[in-house]
PDB file of all heavy atoms in Angstrom:
ATOM      1  N   ARG A   1     -25.458   4.282  -5.858  1.00  0.00           N
ATOM      2  CA  ARG A   1     -26.725   4.035  -6.543  1.00  0.00           C
ATOM      3  C   ARG A   1     -27.786   5.026  -6.075  1.00  0.00           C
ATOM      4  O   ARG A   1     -28.595   5.477  -6.858  1.00  0.00           O
ATOM      5  CB  ARG A   1     -27.172   2.588  -6.263  1.00  0.00           C
ATOM      6  CG  ARG A   1     -28.302   2.098  -7.129  1.00  0.00           C
ATOM      7  CD  ARG A   1     -28.732   0.685  -6.714  1.00  0.00           C
ATOM      8  NE  ARG A   1     -29.234   0.680  -5.367  1.00  0.00           N
ATOM      9  CZ  ARG A   1     -30.430   1.063  -4.995  1.00  0.00           C
ATOM     10  NH1 ARG A   1     -31.281   1.482  -5.903  1.00  0.00           N
ATOM     11  NH2 ARG A   1     -30.826   0.992  -3.755  1.00  0.00           N
ATOM     12  N   LEU A   2     -27.686   5.376  -4.794  1.00  0.00           N
ATOM     13  CA  LEU A   2     -28.673   6.320  -4.236  1.00  0.00           C
ATOM     14  C   LEU A   2     -28.480   7.720  -4.774  1.00  0.00           C
ATOM     15  O   LEU A   2     -29.338   8.561  -4.619  1.00  0.00           O
ATOM     16  CB  LEU A   2     -28.526   6.382  -2.698  1.00  0.00           C
ATOM     17  CG  LEU A   2     -28.980   5.106  -1.953  1.00  0.00           C
ATOM     18  CD1 LEU A   2     -28.727   5.259  -0.482  1.00  0.00           C
ATOM     19  CD2 LEU A   2     -30.461   4.861  -2.218  1.00  0.00           C
ATOM     20  N   LEU A   3     -27.325   8.003  -5.412  1.00  0.00           N
ATOM     21  CA  LEU A   3     -27.094   9.321  -5.964  1.00  0.00           C
ATOM     22  C   LEU A   3     -27.401   9.363  -7.481  1.00  0.00           C
ATOM     23  O   LEU A   3     -27.187  10.390  -8.106  1.00  0.00           O
ATOM     24  CB  LEU A   3     -25.678   9.764  -5.703  1.00  0.00           C
ATOM     25  CG  LEU A   3     -25.388  10.263  -4.263  1.00  0.00           C
ATOM     26  CD1 LEU A   3     -23.906  10.463  -4.050  1.00  0.00           C
ATOM     27  CD2 LEU A   3     -26.163  11.502  -3.967  1.00  0.00           C
ATOM     28  N   CYS A   4     -27.856   8.272  -8.010  1.00  0.00           N
ATOM     29  CA  CYS A   4     -28.123   8.260  -9.467  1.00  0.00           C
ATOM     30  C   CYS A   4     -29.640   8.352  -9.716  1.00  0.00           C
ATOM     31  O   CYS A   4     -30.397   7.459  -9.323  1.00  0.00           O
ATOM     32  CB  CYS A   4     -27.596   6.983 -10.140  1.00  0.00           C
ATOM     33  SG  CYS A   4     -25.811   7.018 -10.261  1.00  0.00           S
ATOM     34  N   PRO A   5     -30.062   9.461 -10.349  1.00  0.00           N
ATOM     35  CA  PRO A   5     -31.493   9.578 -10.671  1.00  0.00           C
ATOM     36  C   PRO A   5     -31.839   8.510 -11.752  1.00  0.00           C
ATOM     37  O   PRO A   5     -30.968   8.141 -12.514  1.00  0.00           O
ATOM     38  CB  PRO A   5     -31.586  10.961 -11.247  1.00  0.00           C
ATOM     39  CG  PRO A   5     -30.217  11.288 -11.778  1.00  0.00           C
ATOM     40  CD  PRO A   5     -29.232  10.586 -10.872  1.00  0.00           C
ATOM     41  N   GLN A   6     -33.073   8.002 -11.701  1.00  0.00           N
ATOM     42  CA  GLN A   6     -33.428   7.010 -12.747  1.00  0.00           C
ATOM     43  C   GLN A   6     -33.591   7.699 -14.128  1.00  0.00           C
ATOM     44  O   GLN A   6     -33.341   7.119 -15.153  1.00  0.00           O
ATOM     45  CB  GLN A   6     -34.737   6.299 -12.378  1.00  0.00           C
ATOM     46  CG  GLN A   6     -34.551   5.276 -11.324  1.00  0.00           C
ATOM     47  CD  GLN A   6     -35.091   5.795  -9.989  1.00  0.00           C
ATOM     48  OE1 GLN A   6     -34.951   6.940  -9.667  1.00  0.00           O
ATOM     49  NE2 GLN A   6     -35.611   4.867  -9.171  1.00  0.00           N
ATOM     50  N   TRP A   7     -34.030   8.963 -14.086  1.00  0.00           N
ATOM     51  CA  TRP A   7     -34.266   9.698 -15.335  1.00  0.00           C
ATOM     52  C   TRP A   7     -33.672  11.076 -15.213  1.00  0.00           C
ATOM     53  O   TRP A   7     -33.740  11.710 -14.192  1.00  0.00           O
ATOM     54  CB  TRP A   7     -35.773   9.830 -15.632  1.00  0.00           C
ATOM     55  CG  TRP A   7     -36.466   8.540 -15.905  1.00  0.00           C
ATOM     56  CD1 TRP A   7     -36.905   7.639 -14.979  1.00  0.00           C
ATOM     57  CD2 TRP A   7     -36.788   8.001 -17.190  1.00  0.00           C
ATOM     58  NE1 TRP A   7     -37.519   6.570 -15.637  1.00  0.00           N
ATOM     59  CE2 TRP A   7     -37.438   6.754 -16.973  1.00  0.00           C
ATOM     60  CE3 TRP A   7     -36.606   8.447 -18.502  1.00  0.00           C
ATOM     61  CZ2 TRP A   7     -37.890   5.958 -18.028  1.00  0.00           C
ATOM     62  CZ3 TRP A   7     -37.081   7.650 -19.568  1.00  0.00           C
ATOM     63  CH2 TRP A   7     -37.733   6.417 -19.294  1.00  0.00           C
ATOM     64  N   VAL A   8     -33.158  11.577 -16.360  1.00  0.00           N
ATOM     65  CA  VAL A   8     -32.666  12.960 -16.411  1.00  0.00           C
ATOM     66  C   VAL A   8     -33.301  13.635 -17.635  1.00  0.00           C
ATOM     67  O   VAL A   8     -33.304  13.093 -18.715  1.00  0.00           O
ATOM     68  CB  VAL A   8     -31.139  13.027 -16.554  1.00  0.00           C
ATOM     69  CG1 VAL A   8     -30.638  14.483 -16.513  1.00  0.00           C
ATOM     70  CG2 VAL A   8     -30.456  12.247 -15.400  1.00  0.00           C
ATOM     71  N   PHE A   9     -33.846  14.835 -17.433  1.00  0.00           N
ATOM     72  CA  PHE A   9     -34.490  15.563 -18.487  1.00  0.00           C
ATOM     73  C   PHE A   9     -33.912  16.978 -18.544  1.00  0.00           C
ATOM     74  O   PHE A   9     -33.327  17.484 -17.599  1.00  0.00           O
ATOM     75  CB  PHE A   9     -35.999  15.737 -18.211  1.00  0.00           C
ATOM     76  CG  PHE A   9     -36.770  14.438 -18.141  1.00  0.00           C
ATOM     77  CD1 PHE A   9     -36.941  13.746 -16.965  1.00  0.00           C
ATOM     78  CD2 PHE A   9     -37.295  13.900 -19.342  1.00  0.00           C
ATOM     79  CE1 PHE A   9     -37.650  12.580 -16.917  1.00  0.00           C
ATOM     80  CE2 PHE A   9     -38.028  12.706 -19.298  1.00  0.00           C
ATOM     81  CZ  PHE A   9     -38.223  12.053 -18.105  1.00  0.00           C
ATOM     82  N   ASP A  10     -34.104  17.651 -19.692  1.00  0.00           N
ATOM     83  CA  ASP A  10     -33.651  19.051 -19.800  1.00  0.00           C
ATOM     84  C   ASP A  10     -34.399  19.949 -18.896  1.00  0.00           C
ATOM     85  O   ASP A  10     -33.841  20.870 -18.286  1.00  0.00           O
ATOM     86  CB  ASP A  10     -33.851  19.507 -21.283  1.00  0.00           C
ATOM     87  CG  ASP A  10     -32.713  19.028 -22.165  1.00  0.00           C
ATOM     88  OD1 ASP A  10     -31.561  19.061 -21.750  1.00  0.00           O
ATOM     89  OD2 ASP A  10     -32.976  18.605 -23.317  1.00  0.00           O
ATOM     90  N   ASN A  11     -35.724  19.757 -18.777  1.00  0.00           N
ATOM     91  CA  ASN A  11     -36.555  20.646 -17.946  1.00  0.00           C
ATOM     92  C   ASN A  11     -37.875  19.971 -17.608  1.00  0.00           C
ATOM     93  O   ASN A  11     -38.168  18.878 -18.123  1.00  0.00           O
ATOM     94  CB  ASN A  11     -36.824  21.983 -18.687  1.00  0.00           C
ATOM     95  CG  ASN A  11     -37.354  21.719 -20.074  1.00  0.00           C
ATOM     96  OD1 ASN A  11     -38.233  20.893 -20.292  1.00  0.00           O
ATOM     97  ND2 ASN A  11     -36.844  22.460 -21.054  1.00  0.00           N
ATOM     98  N   TYR A  12     -38.653  20.628 -16.714  1.00  0.00           N
ATOM     99  CA  TYR A  12     -39.858  20.005 -16.291  1.00  0.00           C
ATOM    100  C   TYR A  12     -40.856  19.747 -17.411  1.00  0.00           C
ATOM    101  O   TYR A  12     -41.577  18.739 -17.401  1.00  0.00           O
ATOM    102  CB  TYR A  12     -40.531  20.808 -15.133  1.00  0.00           C
ATOM    103  CG  TYR A  12     -41.111  22.147 -15.546  1.00  0.00           C
ATOM    104  CD1 TYR A  12     -42.333  22.220 -16.230  1.00  0.00           C
ATOM    105  CD2 TYR A  12     -40.478  23.352 -15.280  1.00  0.00           C
ATOM    106  CE1 TYR A  12     -42.843  23.441 -16.626  1.00  0.00           C
ATOM    107  CE2 TYR A  12     -40.965  24.570 -15.645  1.00  0.00           C
ATOM    108  CZ  TYR A  12     -42.151  24.598 -16.298  1.00  0.00           C
ATOM    109  OH  TYR A  12     -42.665  25.829 -16.682  1.00  0.00           O
ATOM    110  N   GLU A  13     -40.874  20.613 -18.481  1.00  0.00           N
ATOM    111  CA  GLU A  13     -41.815  20.421 -19.536  1.00  0.00           C
ATOM    112  C   GLU A  13     -41.641  19.101 -20.257  1.00  0.00           C
ATOM    113  O   GLU A  13     -42.544  18.585 -20.874  1.00  0.00           O
ATOM    114  CB  GLU A  13     -41.703  21.560 -20.581  1.00  0.00           C
ATOM    115  CG  GLU A  13     -42.310  22.875 -20.127  1.00  0.00           C
ATOM    116  CD  GLU A  13     -41.267  23.935 -19.903  1.00  0.00           C
ATOM    117  OE1 GLU A  13     -40.150  23.600 -19.458  1.00  0.00           O
ATOM    118  OE2 GLU A  13     -41.565  25.096 -20.129  1.00  0.00           O
ATOM    119  N   ALA A  14     -40.398  18.565 -20.182  1.00  0.00           N
ATOM    120  CA  ALA A  14     -40.156  17.281 -20.852  1.00  0.00           C
ATOM    121  C   ALA A  14     -40.784  16.117 -20.091  1.00  0.00           C
ATOM    122  O   ALA A  14     -40.888  15.010 -20.647  1.00  0.00           O
ATOM    123  CB  ALA A  14     -38.625  17.064 -20.937  1.00  0.00           C
ATOM    124  N   VAL A  15     -41.229  16.357 -18.877  1.00  0.00           N
ATOM    125  CA  VAL A  15     -41.932  15.316 -18.110  1.00  0.00           C
ATOM    126  C   VAL A  15     -43.398  15.467 -18.339  1.00  0.00           C
ATOM    127  O   VAL A  15     -44.068  16.350 -17.804  1.00  0.00           O
ATOM    128  CB  VAL A  15     -41.579  15.469 -16.606  1.00  0.00           C
ATOM    129  CG1 VAL A  15     -42.271  14.378 -15.773  1.00  0.00           C
ATOM    130  CG2 VAL A  15     -40.058  15.432 -16.358  1.00  0.00           C
ATOM    131  N   THR A  16     -43.966  14.603 -19.163  1.00  0.00           N
ATOM    132  CA  THR A  16     -45.323  14.731 -19.607  1.00  0.00           C
ATOM    133  C   THR A  16     -46.276  13.897 -18.746  1.00  0.00           C
ATOM    134  O   THR A  16     -45.847  12.893 -18.179  1.00  0.00           O
ATOM    135  CB  THR A  16     -45.464  14.281 -21.116  1.00  0.00           C
ATOM    136  OG1 THR A  16     -45.126  12.852 -21.158  1.00  0.00           O
ATOM    137  CG2 THR A  16     -44.565  15.075 -22.035  1.00  0.00           C
ATOM    138  N   PRO A  17     -47.584  14.234 -18.785  1.00  0.00           N
ATOM    139  CA  PRO A  17     -48.570  13.403 -18.060  1.00  0.00           C
ATOM    140  C   PRO A  17     -48.565  11.961 -18.637  1.00  0.00           C
ATOM    141  O   PRO A  17     -48.653  11.021 -17.839  1.00  0.00           O
ATOM    142  CB  PRO A  17     -49.877  14.047 -18.456  1.00  0.00           C
ATOM    143  CG  PRO A  17     -49.574  15.507 -18.730  1.00  0.00           C
ATOM    144  CD  PRO A  17     -48.200  15.484 -19.313  1.00  0.00           C
ATOM    145  N   GLU A  18     -48.276  11.815 -19.942  1.00  0.00           N
ATOM    146  CA  GLU A  18     -48.245  10.468 -20.551  1.00  0.00           C
ATOM    147  C   GLU A  18     -47.076   9.693 -19.926  1.00  0.00           C
ATOM    148  O   GLU A  18     -47.266   8.518 -19.586  1.00  0.00           O
ATOM    149  CB  GLU A  18     -48.035  10.556 -22.043  1.00  0.00           C
ATOM    150  CG  GLU A  18     -49.180  11.188 -22.844  1.00  0.00           C
ATOM    151  CD  GLU A  18     -49.285  12.709 -22.628  1.00  0.00           C
ATOM    152  OE1 GLU A  18     -48.243  13.424 -22.568  1.00  0.00           O
ATOM    153  OE2 GLU A  18     -50.412  13.208 -22.490  1.00  0.00           O
ATOM    154  N   PHE A  19     -45.928  10.311 -19.850  1.00  0.00           N
ATOM    155  CA  PHE A  19     -44.771   9.627 -19.242  1.00  0.00           C
ATOM    156  C   PHE A  19     -45.073   9.165 -17.799  1.00  0.00           C
ATOM    157  O   PHE A  19     -44.820   8.036 -17.426  1.00  0.00           O
ATOM    158  CB  PHE A  19     -43.594  10.588 -19.228  1.00  0.00           C
ATOM    159  CG  PHE A  19     -42.416  10.082 -18.420  1.00  0.00           C
ATOM    160  CD1 PHE A  19     -41.436   9.225 -18.957  1.00  0.00           C
ATOM    161  CD2 PHE A  19     -42.235  10.424 -17.096  1.00  0.00           C
ATOM    162  CE1 PHE A  19     -40.408   8.744 -18.228  1.00  0.00           C
ATOM    163  CE2 PHE A  19     -41.198   9.972 -16.301  1.00  0.00           C
ATOM    164  CZ  PHE A  19     -40.273   9.093 -16.893  1.00  0.00           C
ATOM    165  N   LEU A  20     -45.657  10.108 -17.025  1.00  0.00           N
ATOM    166  CA  LEU A  20     -45.958   9.766 -15.632  1.00  0.00           C
ATOM    167  C   LEU A  20     -46.969   8.648 -15.511  1.00  0.00           C
ATOM    168  O   LEU A  20     -46.788   7.733 -14.710  1.00  0.00           O
ATOM    169  CB  LEU A  20     -46.444  11.022 -14.886  1.00  0.00           C
ATOM    170  CG  LEU A  20     -45.365  12.156 -14.760  1.00  0.00           C
ATOM    171  CD1 LEU A  20     -46.049  13.420 -14.283  1.00  0.00           C
ATOM    172  CD2 LEU A  20     -44.249  11.757 -13.827  1.00  0.00           C
ATOM    173  N   LYS A  21     -48.035   8.673 -16.329  1.00  0.00           N
ATOM    174  CA  LYS A  21     -49.042   7.639 -16.297  1.00  0.00           C
ATOM    175  C   LYS A  21     -48.388   6.266 -16.662  1.00  0.00           C
ATOM    176  O   LYS A  21     -48.707   5.244 -16.037  1.00  0.00           O
ATOM    177  CB  LYS A  21     -50.163   7.955 -17.314  1.00  0.00           C
ATOM    178  CG  LYS A  21     -51.070   9.093 -16.804  1.00  0.00           C
ATOM    179  CD  LYS A  21     -52.433   8.979 -17.401  1.00  0.00           C
ATOM    180  CE  LYS A  21     -53.437   8.703 -16.366  1.00  0.00           C
ATOM    181  NZ  LYS A  21     -54.519   9.703 -16.316  1.00  0.00           N
ATOM    182  N   GLU A  22     -47.560   6.289 -17.687  1.00  0.00           N
ATOM    183  CA  GLU A  22     -46.875   5.080 -18.095  1.00  0.00           C
ATOM    184  C   GLU A  22     -46.063   4.423 -16.986  1.00  0.00           C
ATOM    185  O   GLU A  22     -45.871   3.240 -16.935  1.00  0.00           O
ATOM    186  CB  GLU A  22     -45.912   5.477 -19.239  1.00  0.00           C
ATOM    187  CG  GLU A  22     -45.686   4.528 -20.340  1.00  0.00           C
ATOM    188  CD  GLU A  22     -44.870   5.223 -21.422  1.00  0.00           C
ATOM    189  OE1 GLU A  22     -45.420   6.065 -22.175  1.00  0.00           O
ATOM    190  OE2 GLU A  22     -43.684   4.946 -21.503  1.00  0.00           O
ATOM    191  N   HIS A  23     -45.575   5.298 -16.061  1.00  0.00           N
ATOM    192  CA  HIS A  23     -44.769   4.805 -14.939  1.00  0.00           C
ATOM    193  C   HIS A  23     -45.580   4.689 -13.640  1.00  0.00           C
ATOM    194  O   HIS A  23     -44.999   4.534 -12.579  1.00  0.00           O
ATOM    195  CB  HIS A  23     -43.557   5.670 -14.826  1.00  0.00           C
ATOM    196  CG  HIS A  23     -42.550   5.489 -15.935  1.00  0.00           C
ATOM    197  ND1 HIS A  23     -42.688   6.229 -17.062  1.00  0.00           N
ATOM    198  CD2 HIS A  23     -41.529   4.663 -16.065  1.00  0.00           C
ATOM    199  CE1 HIS A  23     -41.742   5.826 -17.891  1.00  0.00           C
ATOM    200  NE2 HIS A  23     -41.030   4.878 -17.348  1.00  0.00           N
ATOM    201  N   GLY A  24     -46.901   4.735 -13.791  1.00  0.00           N
ATOM    202  CA  GLY A  24     -47.762   4.523 -12.627  1.00  0.00           C
ATOM    203  C   GLY A  24     -47.703   5.594 -11.573  1.00  0.00           C
ATOM    204  O   GLY A  24     -48.062   5.347 -10.384  1.00  0.00           O
ATOM    205  N   VAL A  25     -47.313   6.769 -11.958  1.00  0.00           N
ATOM    206  CA  VAL A  25     -47.169   7.895 -10.993  1.00  0.00           C
ATOM    207  C   VAL A  25     -48.508   8.611 -10.766  1.00  0.00           C
ATOM    208  O   VAL A  25     -49.151   9.071 -11.716  1.00  0.00           O
ATOM    209  CB  VAL A  25     -46.122   8.927 -11.484  1.00  0.00           C
ATOM    210  CG1 VAL A  25     -46.071  10.126 -10.558  1.00  0.00           C
ATOM    211  CG2 VAL A  25     -44.785   8.272 -11.623  1.00  0.00           C
ATOM    212  N   LYS A  26     -48.949   8.613  -9.539  1.00  0.00           N
ATOM    213  CA  LYS A  26     -50.231   9.282  -9.146  1.00  0.00           C
ATOM    214  C   LYS A  26     -49.935  10.611  -8.449  1.00  0.00           C
ATOM    215  O   LYS A  26     -50.817  11.459  -8.347  1.00  0.00           O
ATOM    216  CB  LYS A  26     -51.062   8.376  -8.261  1.00  0.00           C
ATOM    217  CG  LYS A  26     -51.588   7.154  -8.995  1.00  0.00           C
ATOM    218  CD  LYS A  26     -52.441   6.287  -8.075  1.00  0.00           C
ATOM    219  CE  LYS A  26     -52.909   5.033  -8.838  1.00  0.00           C
ATOM    220  NZ  LYS A  26     -53.565   4.081  -7.931  1.00  0.00           N
ATOM    221  N   LEU A  27     -48.724  10.711  -7.863  1.00  0.00           N
ATOM    222  CA  LEU A  27     -48.343  11.928  -7.156  1.00  0.00           C
ATOM    223  C   LEU A  27     -46.962  12.343  -7.639  1.00  0.00           C
ATOM    224  O   LEU A  27     -45.996  11.566  -7.540  1.00  0.00           O
ATOM    225  CB  LEU A  27     -48.326  11.701  -5.652  1.00  0.00           C
ATOM    226  CG  LEU A  27     -47.709  12.822  -4.810  1.00  0.00           C
ATOM    227  CD1 LEU A  27     -48.489  14.099  -4.897  1.00  0.00           C
ATOM    228  CD2 LEU A  27     -47.572  12.409  -3.338  1.00  0.00           C
TER     229      LEU A  27
END
């Protein structure tokens, strides 16, 4: 389980500020 990422994306651009906010990410 520790080796499974919760999310996999093609590249960093796919990780949007909206996505991060939705998941409560501040850092």
